[in-house]
N, C-alpha and C. Protein backbone atom coordinates (compact mmCIF):
# COMPACT_ATOMS: atom_id res chain seq x y z
N TYR A 1 -116.13 -11.20 -9.04
CA TYR A 1 -116.56 -12.22 -9.95
C TYR A 1 -115.80 -12.07 -11.25
N THR A 2 -115.82 -13.09 -12.09
CA THR A 2 -115.19 -13.03 -13.39
C THR A 2 -116.25 -12.71 -14.44
N ASP A 3 -116.02 -11.64 -15.18
CA ASP A 3 -116.95 -11.23 -16.22
C ASP A 3 -116.98 -12.29 -17.31
N PRO A 4 -118.15 -12.90 -17.59
CA PRO A 4 -118.20 -13.97 -18.59
C PRO A 4 -117.93 -13.47 -20.01
N ASN A 5 -118.09 -12.17 -20.26
CA ASN A 5 -117.85 -11.64 -21.60
C ASN A 5 -116.39 -11.34 -21.87
N THR A 6 -115.66 -10.94 -20.84
CA THR A 6 -114.26 -10.55 -21.04
C THR A 6 -113.27 -11.48 -20.37
N GLY A 7 -113.73 -12.27 -19.39
CA GLY A 7 -112.82 -13.13 -18.64
C GLY A 7 -112.05 -12.37 -17.57
N LEU A 8 -112.31 -11.08 -17.44
CA LEU A 8 -111.60 -10.26 -16.47
C LEU A 8 -112.31 -10.29 -15.12
N SER A 9 -111.52 -10.18 -14.08
CA SER A 9 -112.07 -10.13 -12.73
C SER A 9 -112.63 -8.73 -12.49
N ARG A 10 -113.84 -8.66 -11.92
CA ARG A 10 -114.47 -7.38 -11.62
C ARG A 10 -114.94 -7.38 -10.18
N THR A 11 -114.96 -6.22 -9.60
CA THR A 11 -115.47 -6.06 -8.25
C THR A 11 -116.74 -5.24 -8.32
N SER A 12 -117.77 -5.71 -7.66
CA SER A 12 -119.02 -4.96 -7.57
C SER A 12 -119.38 -4.77 -6.11
N TYR A 13 -120.12 -3.73 -5.85
CA TYR A 13 -120.64 -3.44 -4.53
C TYR A 13 -122.16 -3.45 -4.64
N TYR A 14 -122.82 -3.91 -3.60
CA TYR A 14 -124.26 -4.08 -3.64
C TYR A 14 -124.89 -3.24 -2.55
N PHE A 15 -125.99 -2.59 -2.89
CA PHE A 15 -126.67 -1.71 -1.97
C PHE A 15 -128.15 -2.04 -1.92
N VAL A 16 -128.68 -2.08 -0.72
CA VAL A 16 -130.10 -2.29 -0.51
C VAL A 16 -130.73 -0.92 -0.31
N ASP A 17 -131.70 -0.60 -1.12
CA ASP A 17 -132.41 0.67 -0.99
C ASP A 17 -133.41 0.54 0.15
N PRO A 18 -133.39 1.45 1.12
CA PRO A 18 -134.35 1.35 2.23
C PRO A 18 -135.78 1.69 1.81
N ASN A 19 -135.93 2.30 0.64
CA ASN A 19 -137.26 2.69 0.16
C ASN A 19 -137.80 1.68 -0.83
N GLN A 20 -139.06 1.32 -0.64
CA GLN A 20 -139.71 0.42 -1.59
C GLN A 20 -140.23 1.24 -2.76
N ARG A 21 -140.08 0.65 -3.95
CA ARG A 21 -140.50 1.33 -5.17
C ARG A 21 -141.01 0.31 -6.17
N THR A 22 -141.64 0.81 -7.22
CA THR A 22 -141.99 -0.06 -8.35
C THR A 22 -140.72 -0.32 -9.16
N PHE A 23 -140.76 -1.32 -10.00
CA PHE A 23 -139.61 -1.61 -10.87
C PHE A 23 -139.33 -0.41 -11.78
N THR A 24 -140.39 0.15 -12.35
CA THR A 24 -140.25 1.27 -13.27
C THR A 24 -139.59 2.46 -12.60
N ASP A 25 -140.03 2.79 -11.39
CA ASP A 25 -139.42 3.91 -10.65
C ASP A 25 -137.96 3.62 -10.31
N THR A 26 -137.69 2.38 -9.93
CA THR A 26 -136.32 2.00 -9.59
C THR A 26 -135.41 2.14 -10.79
N GLU A 27 -135.84 1.62 -11.93
CA GLU A 27 -135.03 1.70 -13.15
C GLU A 27 -134.82 3.16 -13.56
N ALA A 28 -135.84 3.99 -13.42
CA ALA A 28 -135.74 5.39 -13.82
C ALA A 28 -134.73 6.17 -12.97
N LEU A 29 -134.49 5.72 -11.74
CA LEU A 29 -133.54 6.40 -10.86
C LEU A 29 -132.07 6.09 -11.19
N LEU A 30 -131.81 5.04 -11.93
CA LEU A 30 -130.43 4.61 -12.18
C LEU A 30 -129.50 5.71 -12.70
N PRO A 31 -129.92 6.53 -13.66
CA PRO A 31 -129.00 7.58 -14.15
C PRO A 31 -128.56 8.56 -13.06
N ASN A 32 -129.35 8.71 -12.01
CA ASN A 32 -128.99 9.61 -10.92
C ASN A 32 -127.82 9.10 -10.09
N TYR A 33 -127.53 7.81 -10.18
CA TYR A 33 -126.50 7.21 -9.34
C TYR A 33 -125.13 7.16 -10.01
N GLY A 34 -125.04 7.57 -11.26
CA GLY A 34 -123.74 7.69 -11.91
C GLY A 34 -123.33 6.46 -12.70
N VAL A 35 -122.17 6.58 -13.33
CA VAL A 35 -121.61 5.52 -14.16
C VAL A 35 -121.35 4.29 -13.30
N GLY A 36 -121.73 3.13 -13.80
CA GLY A 36 -121.49 1.88 -13.09
C GLY A 36 -122.63 1.43 -12.22
N ALA A 37 -123.68 2.24 -12.10
CA ALA A 37 -124.82 1.87 -11.26
C ALA A 37 -125.82 1.06 -12.08
N SER A 38 -126.35 0.02 -11.47
CA SER A 38 -127.35 -0.82 -12.11
C SER A 38 -128.19 -1.47 -11.02
N MET A 39 -129.28 -2.06 -11.44
CA MET A 39 -129.96 -2.98 -10.54
C MET A 39 -129.15 -4.28 -10.61
N TYR A 40 -129.25 -5.11 -9.60
CA TYR A 40 -128.42 -6.30 -9.51
C TYR A 40 -128.60 -7.22 -10.72
N VAL A 41 -127.49 -7.55 -11.36
CA VAL A 41 -127.43 -8.47 -12.49
C VAL A 41 -126.63 -9.69 -12.06
N ILE A 42 -127.21 -10.87 -12.17
CA ILE A 42 -126.49 -12.09 -11.81
C ILE A 42 -125.59 -12.47 -12.98
N ASN A 43 -124.28 -12.42 -12.74
CA ASN A 43 -123.31 -12.72 -13.78
C ASN A 43 -122.82 -14.16 -13.75
N SER A 44 -122.95 -14.80 -12.61
CA SER A 44 -122.53 -16.20 -12.48
C SER A 44 -123.24 -16.79 -11.27
N LEU A 45 -123.29 -18.10 -11.21
CA LEU A 45 -123.90 -18.75 -10.05
C LEU A 45 -123.10 -18.48 -8.79
N ALA A 46 -121.78 -18.40 -8.92
CA ALA A 46 -120.95 -18.11 -7.75
C ALA A 46 -121.26 -16.72 -7.20
N GLU A 47 -121.43 -15.75 -8.08
CA GLU A 47 -121.78 -14.41 -7.64
C GLU A 47 -123.17 -14.42 -6.99
N HIS A 48 -124.11 -15.11 -7.61
CA HIS A 48 -125.46 -15.21 -7.06
C HIS A 48 -125.42 -15.76 -5.63
N ASP A 49 -124.68 -16.84 -5.43
CA ASP A 49 -124.60 -17.43 -4.09
C ASP A 49 -123.94 -16.48 -3.10
N ALA A 50 -122.89 -15.78 -3.53
CA ALA A 50 -122.20 -14.84 -2.64
C ALA A 50 -123.13 -13.69 -2.25
N VAL A 51 -123.86 -13.14 -3.21
CA VAL A 51 -124.77 -12.04 -2.92
C VAL A 51 -125.89 -12.54 -2.01
N TRP A 52 -126.44 -13.72 -2.30
CA TRP A 52 -127.50 -14.26 -1.45
C TRP A 52 -127.00 -14.45 -0.02
N ASN A 53 -125.78 -14.94 0.14
CA ASN A 53 -125.21 -15.12 1.48
C ASN A 53 -125.09 -13.78 2.21
N LEU A 54 -124.75 -12.71 1.49
CA LEU A 54 -124.71 -11.38 2.11
C LEU A 54 -126.10 -10.91 2.51
N ILE A 55 -127.09 -11.20 1.67
CA ILE A 55 -128.47 -10.83 1.99
C ILE A 55 -128.90 -11.52 3.29
N VAL A 56 -128.61 -12.81 3.40
CA VAL A 56 -128.98 -13.56 4.61
C VAL A 56 -128.21 -13.05 5.82
N ALA A 57 -126.90 -12.83 5.65
CA ALA A 57 -126.06 -12.38 6.77
C ALA A 57 -126.51 -11.03 7.31
N ASN A 58 -127.13 -10.22 6.47
CA ASN A 58 -127.59 -8.91 6.89
C ASN A 58 -129.07 -8.87 7.25
N GLY A 59 -129.68 -10.06 7.36
CA GLY A 59 -131.05 -10.15 7.83
C GLY A 59 -132.13 -9.78 6.83
N TYR A 60 -131.80 -9.80 5.54
CA TYR A 60 -132.77 -9.42 4.52
C TYR A 60 -133.37 -10.62 3.78
N ASP A 61 -133.20 -11.83 4.30
CA ASP A 61 -133.62 -13.01 3.56
C ASP A 61 -135.14 -13.16 3.47
N ASN A 62 -135.91 -12.37 4.20
CA ASN A 62 -137.37 -12.39 4.05
C ASN A 62 -137.87 -11.12 3.36
N THR A 63 -136.97 -10.45 2.66
CA THR A 63 -137.29 -9.21 1.98
C THR A 63 -137.32 -9.43 0.48
N PRO A 64 -138.40 -9.07 -0.20
CA PRO A 64 -138.41 -9.18 -1.66
C PRO A 64 -137.58 -8.06 -2.29
N PHE A 65 -136.79 -8.39 -3.28
CA PHE A 65 -135.92 -7.41 -3.95
C PHE A 65 -136.13 -7.44 -5.46
N TRP A 66 -136.13 -6.25 -6.06
CA TRP A 66 -136.08 -6.15 -7.51
C TRP A 66 -134.69 -6.48 -7.99
N LEU A 67 -134.61 -7.20 -9.08
CA LEU A 67 -133.35 -7.46 -9.77
C LEU A 67 -133.35 -6.69 -11.08
N GLY A 68 -132.22 -6.59 -11.72
CA GLY A 68 -132.13 -5.93 -13.03
C GLY A 68 -132.48 -6.91 -14.13
N LEU A 69 -133.66 -7.50 -14.06
CA LEU A 69 -134.09 -8.55 -14.99
C LEU A 69 -135.51 -8.26 -15.46
N LYS A 70 -135.70 -8.26 -16.77
CA LYS A 70 -137.05 -8.09 -17.27
C LYS A 70 -137.22 -8.88 -18.56
N GLN A 71 -138.46 -9.15 -18.86
CA GLN A 71 -138.79 -9.95 -20.03
C GLN A 71 -139.05 -9.03 -21.22
N ASN A 72 -138.45 -9.36 -22.35
CA ASN A 72 -138.64 -8.59 -23.57
C ASN A 72 -140.02 -8.90 -24.12
N ARG A 73 -140.90 -7.93 -24.05
CA ARG A 73 -142.30 -8.14 -24.43
C ARG A 73 -142.46 -8.59 -25.88
N SER A 74 -141.57 -8.16 -26.76
CA SER A 74 -141.71 -8.56 -28.16
C SER A 74 -141.48 -10.05 -28.36
N LEU A 75 -140.86 -10.69 -27.40
CA LEU A 75 -140.59 -12.12 -27.51
C LEU A 75 -141.65 -12.98 -26.83
N ILE A 76 -142.61 -12.35 -26.14
CA ILE A 76 -143.58 -13.14 -25.39
C ILE A 76 -145.02 -12.96 -25.84
N VAL A 77 -145.34 -11.93 -26.57
CA VAL A 77 -146.74 -11.64 -26.91
C VAL A 77 -147.39 -12.84 -27.58
N GLY A 78 -148.45 -13.33 -26.96
CA GLY A 78 -149.20 -14.44 -27.52
C GLY A 78 -148.51 -15.78 -27.47
N LYS A 79 -147.43 -15.89 -26.73
CA LYS A 79 -146.69 -17.15 -26.67
C LYS A 79 -146.93 -17.86 -25.35
N THR A 80 -146.86 -19.16 -25.39
CA THR A 80 -147.00 -19.96 -24.18
C THR A 80 -145.74 -19.76 -23.34
N CYS A 81 -145.95 -19.52 -22.06
CA CYS A 81 -144.79 -19.18 -21.24
C CYS A 81 -144.99 -19.53 -19.78
N ASP A 82 -145.94 -20.33 -19.42
CA ASP A 82 -146.12 -20.67 -18.01
C ASP A 82 -145.36 -21.93 -17.67
N SER A 83 -144.64 -21.88 -16.57
CA SER A 83 -143.85 -23.03 -16.15
C SER A 83 -144.72 -24.06 -15.46
N ASN A 84 -144.58 -25.29 -15.92
CA ASN A 84 -145.20 -26.40 -15.20
C ASN A 84 -144.13 -27.36 -14.70
N ASN A 85 -142.87 -26.91 -14.81
CA ASN A 85 -141.70 -27.66 -14.31
C ASN A 85 -141.63 -29.07 -14.86
N ASP A 86 -141.98 -29.23 -16.15
CA ASP A 86 -141.87 -30.56 -16.75
C ASP A 86 -140.62 -30.70 -17.62
N GLY A 87 -139.74 -29.69 -17.60
CA GLY A 87 -138.50 -29.77 -18.35
C GLY A 87 -138.62 -29.36 -19.81
N THR A 88 -139.80 -28.91 -20.24
CA THR A 88 -139.98 -28.49 -21.62
C THR A 88 -139.62 -27.01 -21.74
N PRO A 89 -139.39 -26.52 -22.97
CA PRO A 89 -138.94 -25.13 -23.15
C PRO A 89 -139.84 -24.07 -22.53
N ASP A 90 -141.14 -24.33 -22.38
CA ASP A 90 -142.00 -23.31 -21.79
C ASP A 90 -141.63 -23.03 -20.34
N ASP A 91 -140.89 -23.95 -19.70
CA ASP A 91 -140.46 -23.72 -18.32
C ASP A 91 -139.48 -22.55 -18.23
N PHE A 92 -138.86 -22.21 -19.33
CA PHE A 92 -137.81 -21.19 -19.29
C PHE A 92 -138.29 -19.82 -19.74
N CYS A 93 -139.48 -19.73 -20.31
CA CYS A 93 -140.04 -18.45 -20.74
C CYS A 93 -138.99 -17.58 -21.40
N GLN A 94 -138.82 -17.78 -22.67
CA GLN A 94 -137.81 -17.04 -23.43
C GLN A 94 -138.01 -15.54 -23.30
N GLY A 95 -136.95 -14.80 -23.51
CA GLY A 95 -137.03 -13.34 -23.54
C GLY A 95 -136.60 -12.65 -22.27
N TRP A 96 -136.16 -13.39 -21.24
CA TRP A 96 -135.69 -12.76 -20.01
C TRP A 96 -134.28 -12.23 -20.23
N LYS A 97 -134.12 -10.92 -20.04
CA LYS A 97 -132.83 -10.28 -20.24
C LYS A 97 -132.47 -9.40 -19.05
N TRP A 98 -131.17 -9.35 -18.78
CA TRP A 98 -130.65 -8.46 -17.76
C TRP A 98 -130.57 -7.06 -18.33
N LEU A 99 -130.50 -6.05 -17.48
CA LEU A 99 -130.43 -4.67 -17.94
C LEU A 99 -129.19 -4.40 -18.78
N ASP A 100 -128.15 -5.21 -18.64
CA ASP A 100 -126.95 -5.04 -19.47
C ASP A 100 -127.11 -5.68 -20.85
N GLY A 101 -128.28 -6.27 -21.14
CA GLY A 101 -128.57 -6.86 -22.44
C GLY A 101 -128.30 -8.35 -22.55
N SER A 102 -127.66 -8.94 -21.55
CA SER A 102 -127.38 -10.37 -21.61
C SER A 102 -128.62 -11.18 -21.24
N ASP A 103 -128.69 -12.42 -21.75
CA ASP A 103 -129.82 -13.30 -21.47
C ASP A 103 -129.68 -13.96 -20.11
N LEU A 104 -130.80 -14.21 -19.46
CA LEU A 104 -130.79 -15.06 -18.27
C LEU A 104 -130.47 -16.47 -18.72
N ASP A 105 -129.45 -17.07 -18.16
CA ASP A 105 -129.04 -18.41 -18.55
C ASP A 105 -130.01 -19.44 -17.96
N PRO A 106 -130.80 -20.13 -18.80
CA PRO A 106 -131.79 -21.07 -18.26
C PRO A 106 -131.16 -22.28 -17.58
N THR A 107 -129.89 -22.57 -17.89
CA THR A 107 -129.23 -23.73 -17.26
C THR A 107 -128.94 -23.48 -15.79
N TRP A 108 -129.01 -22.22 -15.35
CA TRP A 108 -128.78 -21.93 -13.93
C TRP A 108 -129.93 -22.42 -13.07
N ASN A 109 -131.10 -22.62 -13.68
CA ASN A 109 -132.25 -23.16 -12.96
C ASN A 109 -132.56 -22.36 -11.68
N LEU A 110 -132.69 -21.04 -11.84
CA LEU A 110 -132.89 -20.16 -10.69
C LEU A 110 -134.35 -19.82 -10.41
N TRP A 111 -135.27 -20.21 -11.28
CA TRP A 111 -136.67 -19.89 -11.04
C TRP A 111 -137.22 -20.71 -9.89
N GLY A 112 -138.09 -20.10 -9.10
CA GLY A 112 -138.78 -20.81 -8.04
C GLY A 112 -139.77 -21.81 -8.62
N ASN A 113 -140.30 -22.66 -7.78
CA ASN A 113 -141.24 -23.69 -8.21
C ASN A 113 -142.46 -23.03 -8.87
N GLY A 114 -142.78 -23.44 -10.08
CA GLY A 114 -143.92 -22.88 -10.80
C GLY A 114 -143.68 -21.52 -11.40
N GLU A 115 -142.48 -21.01 -11.32
CA GLU A 115 -142.14 -19.70 -11.89
C GLU A 115 -141.25 -19.90 -13.12
N PRO A 116 -141.24 -19.01 -14.06
CA PRO A 116 -142.12 -17.86 -14.13
C PRO A 116 -143.52 -18.28 -14.53
N ASN A 117 -144.47 -17.50 -14.12
CA ASN A 117 -145.86 -17.76 -14.49
C ASN A 117 -146.47 -16.45 -14.96
N ASP A 118 -147.75 -16.39 -15.05
CA ASP A 118 -148.39 -15.20 -15.56
C ASP A 118 -149.81 -15.13 -15.02
N TYR A 119 -150.33 -13.94 -14.93
CA TYR A 119 -151.72 -13.74 -14.55
C TYR A 119 -152.48 -13.21 -15.74
N ASP A 120 -153.72 -13.61 -15.88
CA ASP A 120 -154.56 -13.07 -16.94
C ASP A 120 -154.99 -11.67 -16.54
N ILE A 121 -154.49 -10.68 -17.25
CA ILE A 121 -154.83 -9.30 -16.93
C ILE A 121 -156.03 -8.83 -17.73
N ASN A 122 -156.54 -9.71 -18.58
CA ASN A 122 -157.69 -9.34 -19.41
C ASN A 122 -159.01 -9.55 -18.67
N VAL A 123 -158.92 -9.98 -17.43
CA VAL A 123 -160.12 -10.14 -16.61
C VAL A 123 -159.95 -9.29 -15.35
N SER A 124 -161.03 -8.91 -14.75
CA SER A 124 -160.94 -8.09 -13.55
C SER A 124 -161.69 -8.76 -12.41
N PRO A 125 -161.03 -8.97 -11.28
CA PRO A 125 -159.61 -8.74 -11.03
C PRO A 125 -158.78 -9.82 -11.73
N PRO A 126 -157.48 -9.54 -11.95
CA PRO A 126 -156.62 -10.54 -12.58
C PRO A 126 -156.62 -11.85 -11.78
N VAL A 127 -156.58 -12.94 -12.48
CA VAL A 127 -156.60 -14.26 -11.85
C VAL A 127 -155.42 -15.06 -12.38
N PRO A 128 -155.03 -16.13 -11.69
CA PRO A 128 -153.96 -16.97 -12.24
C PRO A 128 -154.30 -17.40 -13.67
N ASP A 129 -153.27 -17.50 -14.47
CA ASP A 129 -153.42 -17.78 -15.89
C ASP A 129 -154.20 -19.06 -16.15
N THR A 130 -155.17 -18.97 -17.05
CA THR A 130 -155.94 -20.15 -17.42
C THR A 130 -155.76 -20.52 -18.88
N ASP A 131 -155.23 -19.59 -19.69
CA ASP A 131 -155.09 -19.88 -21.12
C ASP A 131 -153.66 -20.24 -21.52
N ASN A 132 -152.73 -20.27 -20.55
CA ASN A 132 -151.34 -20.65 -20.78
C ASN A 132 -150.67 -19.77 -21.84
N THR A 133 -151.11 -18.52 -21.94
CA THR A 133 -150.51 -17.56 -22.85
C THR A 133 -150.02 -16.38 -22.05
N ASP A 134 -148.76 -16.03 -22.23
CA ASP A 134 -148.17 -14.93 -21.48
C ASP A 134 -148.69 -13.62 -22.04
N ASP A 135 -149.43 -12.88 -21.22
CA ASP A 135 -149.97 -11.60 -21.68
C ASP A 135 -149.19 -10.41 -21.14
N GLY A 136 -148.06 -10.67 -20.50
CA GLY A 136 -147.19 -9.58 -20.09
C GLY A 136 -147.47 -8.98 -18.74
N SER A 137 -148.20 -9.66 -17.89
CA SER A 137 -148.53 -9.07 -16.61
C SER A 137 -147.40 -9.19 -15.59
N GLU A 138 -146.54 -10.16 -15.75
CA GLU A 138 -145.43 -10.34 -14.79
C GLU A 138 -144.13 -10.45 -15.57
N ASP A 139 -143.55 -9.30 -15.87
CA ASP A 139 -142.37 -9.27 -16.74
C ASP A 139 -141.10 -8.78 -16.06
N TYR A 140 -141.07 -8.78 -14.73
CA TYR A 140 -139.93 -8.20 -14.04
C TYR A 140 -139.39 -9.16 -13.00
N GLY A 141 -138.06 -9.29 -12.97
CA GLY A 141 -137.41 -10.26 -12.09
C GLY A 141 -137.30 -9.79 -10.66
N HIS A 142 -137.41 -10.75 -9.77
CA HIS A 142 -137.57 -10.48 -8.35
C HIS A 142 -136.92 -11.63 -7.58
N PHE A 143 -136.20 -11.34 -6.50
CA PHE A 143 -135.85 -12.41 -5.57
C PHE A 143 -137.13 -12.80 -4.87
N ASN A 144 -137.38 -14.08 -4.76
CA ASN A 144 -138.61 -14.59 -4.17
C ASN A 144 -138.66 -14.25 -2.68
N TYR A 145 -139.80 -14.44 -2.08
CA TYR A 145 -139.96 -14.18 -0.65
C TYR A 145 -139.41 -15.34 0.18
N GLY A 146 -138.87 -15.02 1.32
CA GLY A 146 -138.73 -15.90 2.45
C GLY A 146 -137.70 -16.99 2.47
N GLY A 147 -136.77 -16.86 3.43
CA GLY A 147 -135.82 -17.91 3.75
C GLY A 147 -135.09 -18.45 2.54
N THR A 148 -134.83 -19.76 2.53
CA THR A 148 -134.09 -20.34 1.42
C THR A 148 -134.88 -20.26 0.13
N ALA A 149 -136.22 -20.16 0.21
CA ALA A 149 -137.02 -20.00 -1.00
C ALA A 149 -136.70 -18.68 -1.68
N GLY A 150 -136.22 -17.70 -0.91
CA GLY A 150 -135.89 -16.40 -1.47
C GLY A 150 -134.69 -16.42 -2.38
N LYS A 151 -133.90 -17.44 -2.31
CA LYS A 151 -132.70 -17.53 -3.13
C LYS A 151 -133.04 -17.71 -4.61
N VAL A 152 -134.26 -18.13 -4.89
CA VAL A 152 -134.67 -18.35 -6.27
C VAL A 152 -135.43 -17.13 -6.79
N LEU A 153 -135.69 -17.13 -8.09
CA LEU A 153 -136.31 -15.98 -8.73
C LEU A 153 -137.81 -16.16 -8.91
N ASN A 154 -138.48 -15.03 -8.99
CA ASN A 154 -139.91 -14.97 -9.18
C ASN A 154 -140.16 -13.86 -10.19
N ASP A 155 -141.20 -13.98 -10.99
CA ASP A 155 -141.57 -12.88 -11.87
C ASP A 155 -142.71 -12.11 -11.23
N TYR A 156 -142.67 -10.79 -11.40
CA TYR A 156 -143.61 -9.93 -10.71
C TYR A 156 -144.11 -8.83 -11.63
N PRO A 157 -145.26 -8.24 -11.31
CA PRO A 157 -145.74 -7.09 -12.09
C PRO A 157 -144.92 -5.84 -11.75
N ALA A 158 -144.75 -4.96 -12.72
CA ALA A 158 -143.94 -3.75 -12.54
C ALA A 158 -144.50 -2.82 -11.48
N ASN A 159 -145.80 -2.82 -11.26
CA ASN A 159 -146.38 -1.87 -10.32
C ASN A 159 -146.37 -2.37 -8.88
N THR A 160 -145.77 -3.52 -8.63
CA THR A 160 -145.63 -4.04 -7.28
C THR A 160 -144.51 -3.26 -6.57
N ILE A 161 -144.67 -3.03 -5.29
CA ILE A 161 -143.68 -2.30 -4.51
C ILE A 161 -142.72 -3.30 -3.87
N SER A 162 -141.42 -3.11 -4.10
CA SER A 162 -140.37 -3.92 -3.48
C SER A 162 -139.15 -3.05 -3.24
N ARG A 163 -138.19 -3.61 -2.55
CA ARG A 163 -136.95 -2.88 -2.32
C ARG A 163 -135.98 -3.16 -3.45
N PRO A 164 -135.36 -2.14 -3.99
CA PRO A 164 -134.36 -2.35 -5.03
C PRO A 164 -133.05 -2.89 -4.45
N LEU A 165 -132.42 -3.77 -5.20
CA LEU A 165 -131.07 -4.24 -4.90
C LEU A 165 -130.17 -3.70 -6.00
N TYR A 166 -129.35 -2.72 -5.64
CA TYR A 166 -128.49 -2.07 -6.62
C TYR A 166 -127.11 -2.72 -6.61
N GLU A 167 -126.49 -2.65 -7.77
CA GLU A 167 -125.11 -3.10 -7.94
C GLU A 167 -124.34 -1.91 -8.48
N PHE A 168 -123.12 -1.74 -7.98
CA PHE A 168 -122.29 -0.65 -8.47
C PHE A 168 -120.92 -1.20 -8.82
N SER A 169 -120.59 -1.12 -10.09
CA SER A 169 -119.26 -1.46 -10.59
C SER A 169 -118.67 -0.15 -11.09
N GLY A 170 -118.34 0.70 -10.16
CA GLY A 170 -117.97 2.07 -10.48
C GLY A 170 -116.69 2.19 -11.27
N THR A 171 -116.68 3.18 -12.10
CA THR A 171 -115.46 3.55 -12.81
C THR A 171 -115.17 5.00 -12.46
N THR A 172 -113.93 5.33 -12.43
CA THR A 172 -113.55 6.71 -12.16
C THR A 172 -112.57 7.17 -13.22
N THR A 173 -112.50 8.45 -13.40
CA THR A 173 -111.50 9.01 -14.30
C THR A 173 -110.72 10.07 -13.54
N LEU A 174 -109.53 10.29 -13.99
CA LEU A 174 -108.66 11.27 -13.35
C LEU A 174 -108.00 12.08 -14.44
N GLU A 175 -108.02 13.38 -14.31
CA GLU A 175 -107.34 14.23 -15.26
C GLU A 175 -106.27 15.02 -14.51
N TRP A 176 -105.05 15.02 -15.06
CA TRP A 176 -103.94 15.73 -14.45
C TRP A 176 -103.75 17.04 -15.19
N PHE A 177 -103.52 18.09 -14.41
CA PHE A 177 -103.24 19.41 -14.96
C PHE A 177 -101.99 19.97 -14.31
N GLU A 178 -101.28 20.72 -15.07
CA GLU A 178 -100.13 21.40 -14.50
C GLU A 178 -100.38 22.89 -14.63
N GLU A 179 -100.16 23.62 -13.52
CA GLU A 179 -100.42 25.05 -13.54
C GLU A 179 -99.14 25.80 -13.28
């Protein structure tokens, strides 16, 4: 893909973790995988389509995957953020950022129908949101479940178990010595 920040062509490799984990556990493991390891970050629509096609080709299209996408809580506290798909700004739920710090581009229109949404966590058990205020219960990006519907994004709670989708844009160094 072409890096939108530098215009340079980059090659990434994608890995499906056979173990299901929470988002928090998945993110915490990243330093163990070395320089260039991340959870999957969508850099362009072309890359998104190519990765989705690989997911389908390998039989994982009914598998939920964590992405390297989370919502910045400081931008959502007490704010309206439930999508009703009417084209107004609340449909985009500001504050979604990739692990590399870049914003999710709302013009890509990658959210599933009615997503992102939120659950009221102030009641037990949590129920679908009734006050239209994002309380932070679903702040982590996820490939949606099932078939072509899986190609779009869904927001999920961090304590949900899913399979991580890792991306590796590895860098190597070489040091020459003469003896």
